[in-house]
Amino acid sequence: METTKMSSRGQVVIPQDVREEVCVGEGTVFAVMAGKDMIMLKKMETPSKESLIKDLKRLAREGRNRIEEKGLKERDLHEFARRVRHR
């Protein structure tokens, strides 16, 4: 366990050993949670460009599969979008 002290500006230094243990560096984004006498930082993972592209391709594939299962055509989707916009 390490200790640290808050500055007059509310800043806290995370000790180097702890930063290395959880692989965080400058620019790391954290979610901050509090409860009674505890403050917890949770490292927020930023997905890579490759991961985002992979996920978008998977979602597009799933969408196409659902459309095919329902027997819909692309023109049906355009008509549906037009009707929804004009409500």
PDB file of N, CA and C in Angstrom:
ATOM      1  N   MET A   1       0.847  -1.171   0.000  1.00  0.00           N
ATOM      2  CA  MET A   1       0.000   0.000   0.000  1.00  0.00           C
ATOM      3  C   MET A   1       0.894   1.236   0.000  1.00  0.00           C
ATOM      4  N   GLU A   2       0.490   2.230  -0.755  1.00  0.00           N
ATOM      5  CA  GLU A   2       1.219   3.492  -0.862  1.00  0.00           C
ATOM      6  C   GLU A   2       0.347   4.597  -0.265  1.00  0.00           C
ATOM      7  N   THR A   3       0.959   5.710   0.063  1.00  0.00           N
ATOM      8  CA  THR A   3       0.193   6.868   0.521  1.00  0.00           C
ATOM      9  C   THR A   3       0.530   8.057  -0.378  1.00  0.00           C
ATOM     10  N   THR A   4      -0.383   9.018  -0.411  1.00  0.00           N
ATOM     11  CA  THR A   4      -0.189  10.223  -1.197  1.00  0.00           C
ATOM     12  C   THR A   4      -0.927  11.353  -0.505  1.00  0.00           C
ATOM     13  N   LYS A   5      -0.709  12.568  -0.934  1.00  0.00           N
ATOM     14  CA  LYS A   5      -1.332  13.721  -0.300  1.00  0.00           C
ATOM     15  C   LYS A   5      -1.965  14.594  -1.375  1.00  0.00           C
ATOM     16  N   MET A   6      -3.129  15.179  -1.068  1.00  0.00           N
ATOM     17  CA  MET A   6      -3.809  16.057  -2.008  1.00  0.00           C
ATOM     18  C   MET A   6      -3.218  17.459  -1.900  1.00  0.00           C
ATOM     19  N   SER A   7      -3.046  18.094  -3.079  1.00  0.00           N
ATOM     20  CA  SER A   7      -2.531  19.465  -3.115  1.00  0.00           C
ATOM     21  C   SER A   7      -3.665  20.441  -2.823  1.00  0.00           C
ATOM     22  N   SER A   8      -3.307  21.728  -2.700  1.00  0.00           N
ATOM     23  CA  SER A   8      -4.312  22.764  -2.458  1.00  0.00           C
ATOM     24  C   SER A   8      -5.264  22.906  -3.644  1.00  0.00           C
ATOM     25  N   ARG A   9      -4.873  22.413  -4.814  1.00  0.00           N
ATOM     26  CA  ARG A   9      -5.721  22.473  -6.020  1.00  0.00           C
ATOM     27  C   ARG A   9      -6.524  21.181  -6.215  1.00  0.00           C
ATOM     28  N   GLY A  10      -6.498  20.275  -5.247  1.00  0.00           N
ATOM     29  CA  GLY A  10      -7.278  19.044  -5.342  1.00  0.00           C
ATOM     30  C   GLY A  10      -6.597  17.954  -6.152  1.00  0.00           C
ATOM     31  N   GLN A  11      -5.326  18.110  -6.439  1.00  0.00           N
ATOM     32  CA  GLN A  11      -4.598  17.129  -7.235  1.00  0.00           C
ATOM     33  C   GLN A  11      -3.944  16.095  -6.336  1.00  0.00           C
ATOM     34  N   VAL A  12      -3.967  14.842  -6.811  1.00  0.00           N
ATOM     35  CA  VAL A  12      -3.356  13.739  -6.080  1.00  0.00           C
ATOM     36  C   VAL A  12      -2.398  13.024  -7.026  1.00  0.00           C
ATOM     37  N   VAL A  13      -1.202  12.735  -6.543  1.00  0.00           N
ATOM     38  CA  VAL A  13      -0.227  12.000  -7.337  1.00  0.00           C
ATOM     39  C   VAL A  13      -0.431  10.509  -7.077  1.00  0.00           C
ATOM     40  N   ILE A  14      -0.553   9.748  -8.153  1.00  0.00           N
ATOM     41  CA  ILE A  14      -0.624   8.286  -8.032  1.00  0.00           C
ATOM     42  C   ILE A  14       0.821   7.793  -8.057  1.00  0.00           C
ATOM     43  N   PRO A  15       1.260   7.112  -7.005  1.00  0.00           N
ATOM     44  CA  PRO A  15       2.656   6.681  -6.935  1.00  0.00           C
ATOM     45  C   PRO A  15       3.068   5.845  -8.154  1.00  0.00           C
ATOM     46  N   GLN A  16       4.333   5.987  -8.556  1.00  0.00           N
ATOM     47  CA  GLN A  16       4.838   5.336  -9.761  1.00  0.00           C
ATOM     48  C   GLN A  16       4.632   3.829  -9.729  1.00  0.00           C
ATOM     49  N   ASP A  17       4.884   3.183  -8.594  1.00  0.00           N
ATOM     50  CA  ASP A  17       4.708   1.730  -8.508  1.00  0.00           C
ATOM     51  C   ASP A  17       3.275   1.330  -8.843  1.00  0.00           C
ATOM     52  N   VAL A  18       2.316   2.117  -8.359  1.00  0.00           N
ATOM     53  CA  VAL A  18       0.901   1.828  -8.619  1.00  0.00           C
ATOM     54  C   VAL A  18       0.584   2.065 -10.094  1.00  0.00           C
ATOM     55  N   ARG A  19       1.088   3.175 -10.659  1.00  0.00           N
ATOM     56  CA  ARG A  19       0.862   3.457 -12.081  1.00  0.00           C
ATOM     57  C   ARG A  19       1.399   2.330 -12.957  1.00  0.00           C
ATOM     58  N   GLU A  20       2.572   1.843 -12.638  1.00  0.00           N
ATOM     59  CA  GLU A  20       3.170   0.756 -13.416  1.00  0.00           C
ATOM     60  C   GLU A  20       2.372  -0.536 -13.265  1.00  0.00           C
ATOM     61  N   GLU A  21       1.897  -0.799 -12.056  1.00  0.00           N
ATOM     62  CA  GLU A  21       1.144  -2.033 -11.794  1.00  0.00           C
ATOM     63  C   GLU A  21      -0.134  -2.105 -12.621  1.00  0.00           C
ATOM     64  N   VAL A  22      -0.813  -0.968 -12.784  1.00  0.00           N
ATOM     65  CA  VAL A  22      -2.074  -0.965 -13.524  1.00  0.00           C
ATOM     66  C   VAL A  22      -1.926  -0.406 -14.944  1.00  0.00           C
ATOM     67  N   CYS A  23      -0.682  -0.170 -15.353  1.00  0.00           N
ATOM     68  CA  CYS A  23      -0.373   0.284 -16.722  1.00  0.00           C
ATOM     69  C   CYS A  23      -1.126   1.553 -17.101  1.00  0.00           C
ATOM     70  N   VAL A  24      -0.920   2.617 -16.344  1.00  0.00           N
ATOM     71  CA  VAL A  24      -1.516   3.905 -16.677  1.00  0.00           C
ATOM     72  C   VAL A  24      -0.410   4.924 -16.862  1.00  0.00           C
ATOM     73  N   GLY A  25      -0.688   5.886 -17.709  1.00  0.00           N
ATOM     74  CA  GLY A  25       0.283   6.942 -17.964  1.00  0.00           C
ATOM     75  C   GLY A  25      -0.433   8.246 -18.222  1.00  0.00           C
ATOM     76  N   GLU A  26       0.327   9.230 -18.661  1.00  0.00           N
ATOM     77  CA  GLU A  26      -0.230  10.544 -18.947  1.00  0.00           C
ATOM     78  C   GLU A  26      -1.357  10.417 -19.967  1.00  0.00           C
ATOM     79  N   GLY A  27      -2.480  11.072 -19.688  1.00  0.00           N
ATOM     80  CA  GLY A  27      -3.620  11.052 -20.600  1.00  0.00           C
ATOM     81  C   GLY A  27      -4.614   9.940 -20.324  1.00  0.00           C
ATOM     82  N   THR A  28      -4.303   9.026 -19.411  1.00  0.00           N
ATOM     83  CA  THR A  28      -5.245   7.960 -19.073  1.00  0.00           C
ATOM     84  C   THR A  28      -6.512   8.575 -18.495  1.00  0.00           C
ATOM     85  N   VAL A  29      -7.653   8.082 -18.931  1.00  0.00           N
ATOM     86  CA  VAL A  29      -8.941   8.594 -18.464  1.00  0.00           C
ATOM     87  C   VAL A  29      -9.461   7.661 -17.367  1.00  0.00           C
ATOM     88  N   PHE A  30      -9.980   8.256 -16.298  1.00  0.00           N
ATOM     89  CA  PHE A  30     -10.498   7.491 -15.166  1.00  0.00           C
ATOM     90  C   PHE A  30     -11.952   7.863 -14.891  1.00  0.00           C
ATOM     91  N   ALA A  31     -12.733   6.877 -14.470  1.00  0.00           N
ATOM     92  CA  ALA A  31     -14.036   7.137 -13.865  1.00  0.00           C
ATOM     93  C   ALA A  31     -13.742   7.311 -12.380  1.00  0.00           C
ATOM     94  N   VAL A  32     -14.392   8.282 -11.740  1.00  0.00           N
ATOM     95  CA  VAL A  32     -14.153   8.555 -10.322  1.00  0.00           C
ATOM     96  C   VAL A  32     -15.431   8.268  -9.557  1.00  0.00           C
ATOM     97  N   MET A  33     -15.333   7.390  -8.555  1.00  0.00           N
ATOM     98  CA  MET A  33     -16.487   7.026  -7.738  1.00  0.00           C
ATOM     99  C   MET A  33     -16.154   7.287  -6.275  1.00  0.00           C
ATOM    100  N   ALA A  34     -17.166   7.646  -5.518  1.00  0.00           N
ATOM    101  CA  ALA A  34     -16.943   7.942  -4.106  1.00  0.00           C
ATOM    102  C   ALA A  34     -17.997   7.250  -3.251  1.00  0.00           C
ATOM    103  N   GLY A  35     -17.617   6.914  -2.047  1.00  0.00           N
ATOM    104  CA  GLY A  35     -18.536   6.324  -1.086  1.00  0.00           C
ATOM    105  C   GLY A  35     -17.974   6.497   0.313  1.00  0.00           C
ATOM    106  N   LYS A  36     -18.783   7.061   1.185  1.00  0.00           N
ATOM    107  CA  LYS A  36     -18.366   7.349   2.573  1.00  0.00           C
ATOM    108  C   LYS A  36     -16.979   7.960   2.616  1.00  0.00           C
ATOM    109  N   ASP A  37     -15.964   7.189   3.052  1.00  0.00           N
ATOM    110  CA  ASP A  37     -14.609   7.734   3.190  1.00  0.00           C
ATOM    111  C   ASP A  37     -13.654   7.148   2.148  1.00  0.00           C
ATOM    112  N   MET A  38     -14.183   6.839   0.966  1.00  0.00           N
ATOM    113  CA  MET A  38     -13.362   6.197  -0.043  1.00  0.00           C
ATOM    114  C   MET A  38     -13.561   6.874  -1.406  1.00  0.00           C
ATOM    115  N   ILE A  39     -12.484   7.030  -2.144  1.00  0.00           N
ATOM    116  CA  ILE A  39     -12.527   7.506  -3.524  1.00  0.00           C
ATOM    117  C   ILE A  39     -11.853   6.430  -4.364  1.00  0.00           C
ATOM    118  N   MET A  40     -12.524   6.018  -5.430  1.00  0.00           N
ATOM    119  CA  MET A  40     -11.985   4.952  -6.271  1.00  0.00           C
ATOM    120  C   MET A  40     -11.840   5.463  -7.704  1.00  0.00           C
ATOM    121  N   LEU A  41     -10.703   5.148  -8.322  1.00  0.00           N
ATOM    122  CA  LEU A  41     -10.460   5.468  -9.720  1.00  0.00           C
ATOM    123  C   LEU A  41     -10.543   4.179 -10.523  1.00  0.00           C
ATOM    124  N   LYS A  42     -11.277   4.212 -11.621  1.00  0.00           N
ATOM    125  CA  LYS A  42     -11.389   3.056 -12.517  1.00  0.00           C
ATOM    126  C   LYS A  42     -10.850   3.477 -13.869  1.00  0.00           C
ATOM    127  N   LYS A  43      -9.804   2.793 -14.337  1.00  0.00           N
ATOM    128  CA  LYS A  43      -9.213   3.116 -15.633  1.00  0.00           C
ATOM    129  C   LYS A  43     -10.229   2.816 -16.731  1.00  0.00           C
ATOM    130  N   MET A  44     -10.430   3.799 -17.599  1.00  0.00           N
ATOM    131  CA  MET A  44     -11.362   3.645 -18.715  1.00  0.00           C
ATOM    132  C   MET A  44     -10.555   3.249 -19.945  1.00  0.00           C
ATOM    133  N   GLU A  45     -10.926   2.149 -20.548  1.00  0.00           N
ATOM    134  CA  GLU A  45     -10.227   1.682 -21.733  1.00  0.00           C
ATOM    135  C   GLU A  45     -10.769   2.403 -22.963  1.00  0.00           C
ATOM    136  N   THR A  46      -9.896   2.890 -23.793  1.00  0.00           N
ATOM    137  CA  THR A  46     -10.281   3.512 -25.054  1.00  0.00           C
ATOM    138  C   THR A  46     -10.050   2.479 -26.142  1.00  0.00           C
ATOM    139  N   PRO A  47     -11.115   2.099 -26.855  1.00  0.00           N
ATOM    140  CA  PRO A  47     -10.921   1.074 -27.882  1.00  0.00           C
ATOM    141  C   PRO A  47     -10.040   1.587 -29.021  1.00  0.00           C
ATOM    142  N   SER A  48      -9.293   0.674 -29.611  1.00  0.00           N
ATOM    143  CA  SER A  48      -8.439   1.035 -30.744  1.00  0.00           C
ATOM    144  C   SER A  48      -9.296   1.233 -31.991  1.00  0.00           C
ATOM    145  N   LYS A  49      -8.724   1.907 -32.975  1.00  0.00           N
ATOM    146  CA  LYS A  49      -9.406   2.113 -34.252  1.00  0.00           C
ATOM    147  C   LYS A  49      -9.764   0.764 -34.872  1.00  0.00           C
ATOM    148  N   GLU A  50      -8.839  -0.170 -34.815  1.00  0.00           N
ATOM    149  CA  GLU A  50      -9.067  -1.496 -35.380  1.00  0.00           C
ATOM    150  C   GLU A  50     -10.220  -2.205 -34.681  1.00  0.00           C
ATOM    151  N   SER A  51     -10.285  -2.071 -33.357  1.00  0.00           N
ATOM    152  CA  SER A  51     -11.357  -2.693 -32.583  1.00  0.00           C
ATOM    153  C   SER A  51     -12.708  -2.083 -32.941  1.00  0.00           C
ATOM    154  N   LEU A  52     -12.747  -0.752 -33.090  1.00  0.00           N
ATOM    155  CA  LEU A  52     -13.997  -0.087 -33.459  1.00  0.00           C
ATOM    156  C   LEU A  52     -14.465  -0.526 -34.847  1.00  0.00           C
ATOM    157  N   ILE A  53     -13.539  -0.604 -35.803  1.00  0.00           N
ATOM    158  CA  ILE A  53     -13.891  -1.034 -37.161  1.00  0.00           C
ATOM    159  C   ILE A  53     -14.417  -2.463 -37.136  1.00  0.00           C
ATOM    160  N   LYS A  54     -13.765  -3.327 -36.385  1.00  0.00           N
ATOM    161  CA  LYS A  54     -14.202  -4.724 -36.273  1.00  0.00           C
ATOM    162  C   LYS A  54     -15.624  -4.797 -35.709  1.00  0.00           C
ATOM    163  N   ASP A  55     -15.893  -4.017 -34.647  1.00  0.00           N
ATOM    164  CA  ASP A  55     -17.221  -4.008 -34.037  1.00  0.00           C
ATOM    165  C   ASP A  55     -18.278  -3.464 -34.999  1.00  0.00           C
ATOM    166  N   LEU A  56     -17.939  -2.396 -35.734  1.00  0.00           N
ATOM    167  CA  LEU A  56     -18.897  -1.830 -36.698  1.00  0.00           C
ATOM    168  C   LEU A  56     -19.204  -2.817 -37.822  1.00  0.00           C
ATOM    169  N   LYS A  57     -18.194  -3.525 -38.294  1.00  0.00           N
ATOM    170  CA  LYS A  57     -18.406  -4.536 -39.341  1.00  0.00           C
ATOM    171  C   LYS A  57     -19.313  -5.657 -38.824  1.00  0.00           C
ATOM    172  N   ARG A  58     -19.088  -6.069 -37.569  1.00  0.00           N
ATOM    173  CA  ARG A  58     -19.920  -7.116 -36.972  1.00  0.00           C
ATOM    174  C   ARG A  58     -21.370  -6.653 -36.859  1.00  0.00           C
ATOM    175  N   LEU A  59     -21.575  -5.399 -36.399  1.00  0.00           N
ATOM    176  CA  LEU A  59     -22.932  -4.866 -36.283  1.00  0.00           C
ATOM    177  C   LEU A  59     -23.617  -4.765 -37.644  1.00  0.00           C
ATOM    178  N   ALA A  60     -22.865  -4.353 -38.666  1.00  0.00           N
ATOM    179  CA  ALA A  60     -23.432  -4.257 -40.017  1.00  0.00           C
ATOM    180  C   ALA A  60     -23.827  -5.633 -40.519  1.00  0.00           C
ATOM    181  N   ARG A  61     -22.976  -6.622 -40.279  1.00  0.00           N
ATOM    182  CA  ARG A  61     -23.268  -8.000 -40.699  1.00  0.00           C
ATOM    183  C   ARG A  61     -24.528  -8.526 -39.994  1.00  0.00           C
ATOM    184  N   GLU A  62     -24.628  -8.273 -38.680  1.00  0.00           N
ATOM    185  CA  GLU A  62     -25.806  -8.709 -37.933  1.00  0.00           C
ATOM    186  C   GLU A  62     -27.058  -8.013 -38.450  1.00  0.00           C
ATOM    187  N   GLY A  63     -26.940  -6.722 -38.769  1.00  0.00           N
ATOM    188  CA  GLY A  63     -28.080  -5.981 -39.310  1.00  0.00           C
ATOM    189  C   GLY A  63     -28.525  -6.557 -40.645  1.00  0.00           C
ATOM    190  N   ARG A  64     -27.565  -6.833 -41.529  1.00  0.00           N
ATOM    191  CA  ARG A  64     -27.899  -7.432 -42.828  1.00  0.00           C
ATOM    192  C   ARG A  64     -28.585  -8.784 -42.639  1.00  0.00           C
ATOM    193  N   ASN A  65     -28.079  -9.587 -41.709  1.00  0.00           N
ATOM    194  CA  ASN A  65     -28.680 -10.906 -41.457  1.00  0.00           C
ATOM    195  C   ASN A  65     -30.123 -10.768 -40.974  1.00  0.00           C
ATOM    196  N   ARG A  66     -30.368  -9.817 -40.077  1.00  0.00           N
ATOM    197  CA  ARG A  66     -31.733  -9.615 -39.571  1.00  0.00           C
ATOM    198  C   ARG A  66     -32.668  -9.157 -40.684  1.00  0.00           C
ATOM    199  N   ILE A  67     -32.175  -8.279 -41.545  1.00  0.00           N
ATOM    200  CA  ILE A  67     -32.981  -7.796 -42.671  1.00  0.00           C
ATOM    201  C   ILE A  67     -33.335  -8.957 -43.592  1.00  0.00           C
ATOM    202  N   GLU A  68     -32.348  -9.798 -43.899  1.00  0.00           N
ATOM    203  CA  GLU A  68     -32.585 -10.950 -44.772  1.00  0.00           C
ATOM    204  C   GLU A  68     -33.570 -11.929 -44.135  1.00  0.00           C
ATOM    205  N   GLU A  69     -33.430 -12.158 -42.819  1.00  0.00           N
ATOM    206  CA  GLU A  69     -34.344 -13.073 -42.123  1.00  0.00           C
ATOM    207  C   GLU A  69     -35.795 -12.599 -42.216  1.00  0.00           C
ATOM    208  N   LYS A  70     -35.989 -11.292 -42.203  1.00  0.00           N
ATOM    209  CA  LYS A  70     -37.337 -10.730 -42.255  1.00  0.00           C
ATOM    210  C   LYS A  70     -37.833 -10.588 -43.694  1.00  0.00           C
ATOM    211  N   GLY A  71     -36.970 -10.894 -44.658  1.00  0.00           N
ATOM    212  CA  GLY A  71     -37.363 -10.809 -46.054  1.00  0.00           C
ATOM    213  C   GLY A  71     -37.484  -9.386 -46.574  1.00  0.00           C
ATOM    214  N   LEU A  72     -36.793  -8.454 -45.931  1.00  0.00           N
ATOM    215  CA  LEU A  72     -36.864  -7.054 -46.351  1.00  0.00           C
ATOM    216  C   LEU A  72     -35.831  -6.768 -47.441  1.00  0.00           C
ATOM    217  N   LYS A  73     -36.124  -5.764 -48.236  1.00  0.00           N
ATOM    218  CA  LYS A  73     -35.211  -5.292 -49.274  1.00  0.00           C
ATOM    219  C   LYS A  73     -34.757  -3.885 -48.899  1.00  0.00           C
ATOM    220  N   GLU A  74     -33.684  -3.416 -49.530  1.00  0.00           N
ATOM    221  CA  GLU A  74     -33.164  -2.087 -49.225  1.00  0.00           C
ATOM    222  C   GLU A  74     -34.217  -1.009 -49.460  1.00  0.00           C
ATOM    223  N   ARG A  75     -35.005  -1.142 -50.503  1.00  0.00           N
ATOM    224  CA  ARG A  75     -36.038  -0.131 -50.784  1.00  0.00           C
ATOM    225  C   ARG A  75     -37.079  -0.079 -49.667  1.00  0.00           C
ATOM    226  N   ASP A  76     -37.339  -1.235 -49.002  1.00  0.00           N
ATOM    227  CA  ASP A  76     -38.275  -1.254 -47.879  1.00  0.00           C
ATOM    228  C   ASP A  76     -37.755  -0.374 -46.738  1.00  0.00           C
ATOM    229  N   LEU A  77     -36.449  -0.416 -46.516  1.00  0.00           N
ATOM    230  CA  LEU A  77     -35.854   0.384 -45.438  1.00  0.00           C
ATOM    231  C   LEU A  77     -35.930   1.874 -45.751  1.00  0.00           C
ATOM    232  N   HIS A  78     -35.701   2.223 -47.027  1.00  0.00           N
ATOM    233  CA  HIS A  78     -35.804   3.626 -47.420  1.00  0.00           C
ATOM    234  C   HIS A  78     -37.235   4.135 -47.214  1.00  0.00           C
ATOM    235  N   GLU A  79     -38.208   3.320 -47.575  1.00  0.00           N
ATOM    236  CA  GLU A  79     -39.615   3.708 -47.410  1.00  0.00           C
ATOM    237  C   GLU A  79     -39.954   3.863 -45.923  1.00  0.00           C
ATOM    238  N   PHE A  80     -39.478   2.935 -45.098  1.00  0.00           N
ATOM    239  CA  PHE A  80     -39.721   2.996 -43.661  1.00  0.00           C
ATOM    240  C   PHE A  80     -39.115   4.286 -43.083  1.00  0.00           C
ATOM    241  N   ALA A  81     -37.859   4.599 -43.461  1.00  0.00           N
ATOM    242  CA  ALA A  81     -37.201   5.810 -42.960  1.00  0.00           C
ATOM    243  C   ALA A  81     -37.979   7.054 -43.387  1.00  0.00           C
ATOM    244  N   ARG A  82     -38.488   7.070 -44.615  1.00  0.00           N
ATOM    245  CA  ARG A  82     -39.246   8.222 -45.107  1.00  0.00           C
ATOM    246  C   ARG A  82     -40.510   8.416 -44.291  1.00  0.00           C
ATOM    247  N   ARG A  83     -41.197   7.324 -43.992  1.00  0.00           N
ATOM    248  CA  ARG A  83     -42.441   7.423 -43.199  1.00  0.00           C
ATOM    249  C   ARG A  83     -42.165   7.900 -41.786  1.00  0.00           C
ATOM    250  N   VAL A  84     -41.105   7.405 -41.183  1.00  0.00           N
ATOM    251  CA  VAL A  84     -40.771   7.800 -39.807  1.00  0.00           C
ATOM    252  C   VAL A  84     -40.419   9.294 -39.754  1.00  0.00           C
ATOM    253  N   ARG A  85     -39.686   9.771 -40.742  1.00  0.00           N
ATOM    254  CA  ARG A  85     -39.291  11.189 -40.761  1.00  0.00           C
ATOM    255  C   ARG A  85     -40.474  12.117 -40.926  1.00  0.00           C
ATOM    256  N   HIS A  86     -41.543  11.651 -41.554  1.00  0.00           N
ATOM    257  CA  HIS A  86     -42.695  12.514 -41.835  1.00  0.00           C
ATOM    258  C   HIS A  86     -43.830  12.367 -40.808  1.00  0.00           C
ATOM    259  N   ARG A  87     -43.558  11.813 -39.690  1.00  0.00           N
ATOM    260  CA  ARG A  87     -44.577  11.672 -38.640  1.00  0.00           C
ATOM    261  C   ARG A  87     -44.810  12.970 -37.958  1.00  0.00           C
TER     262      ARG A  87
END
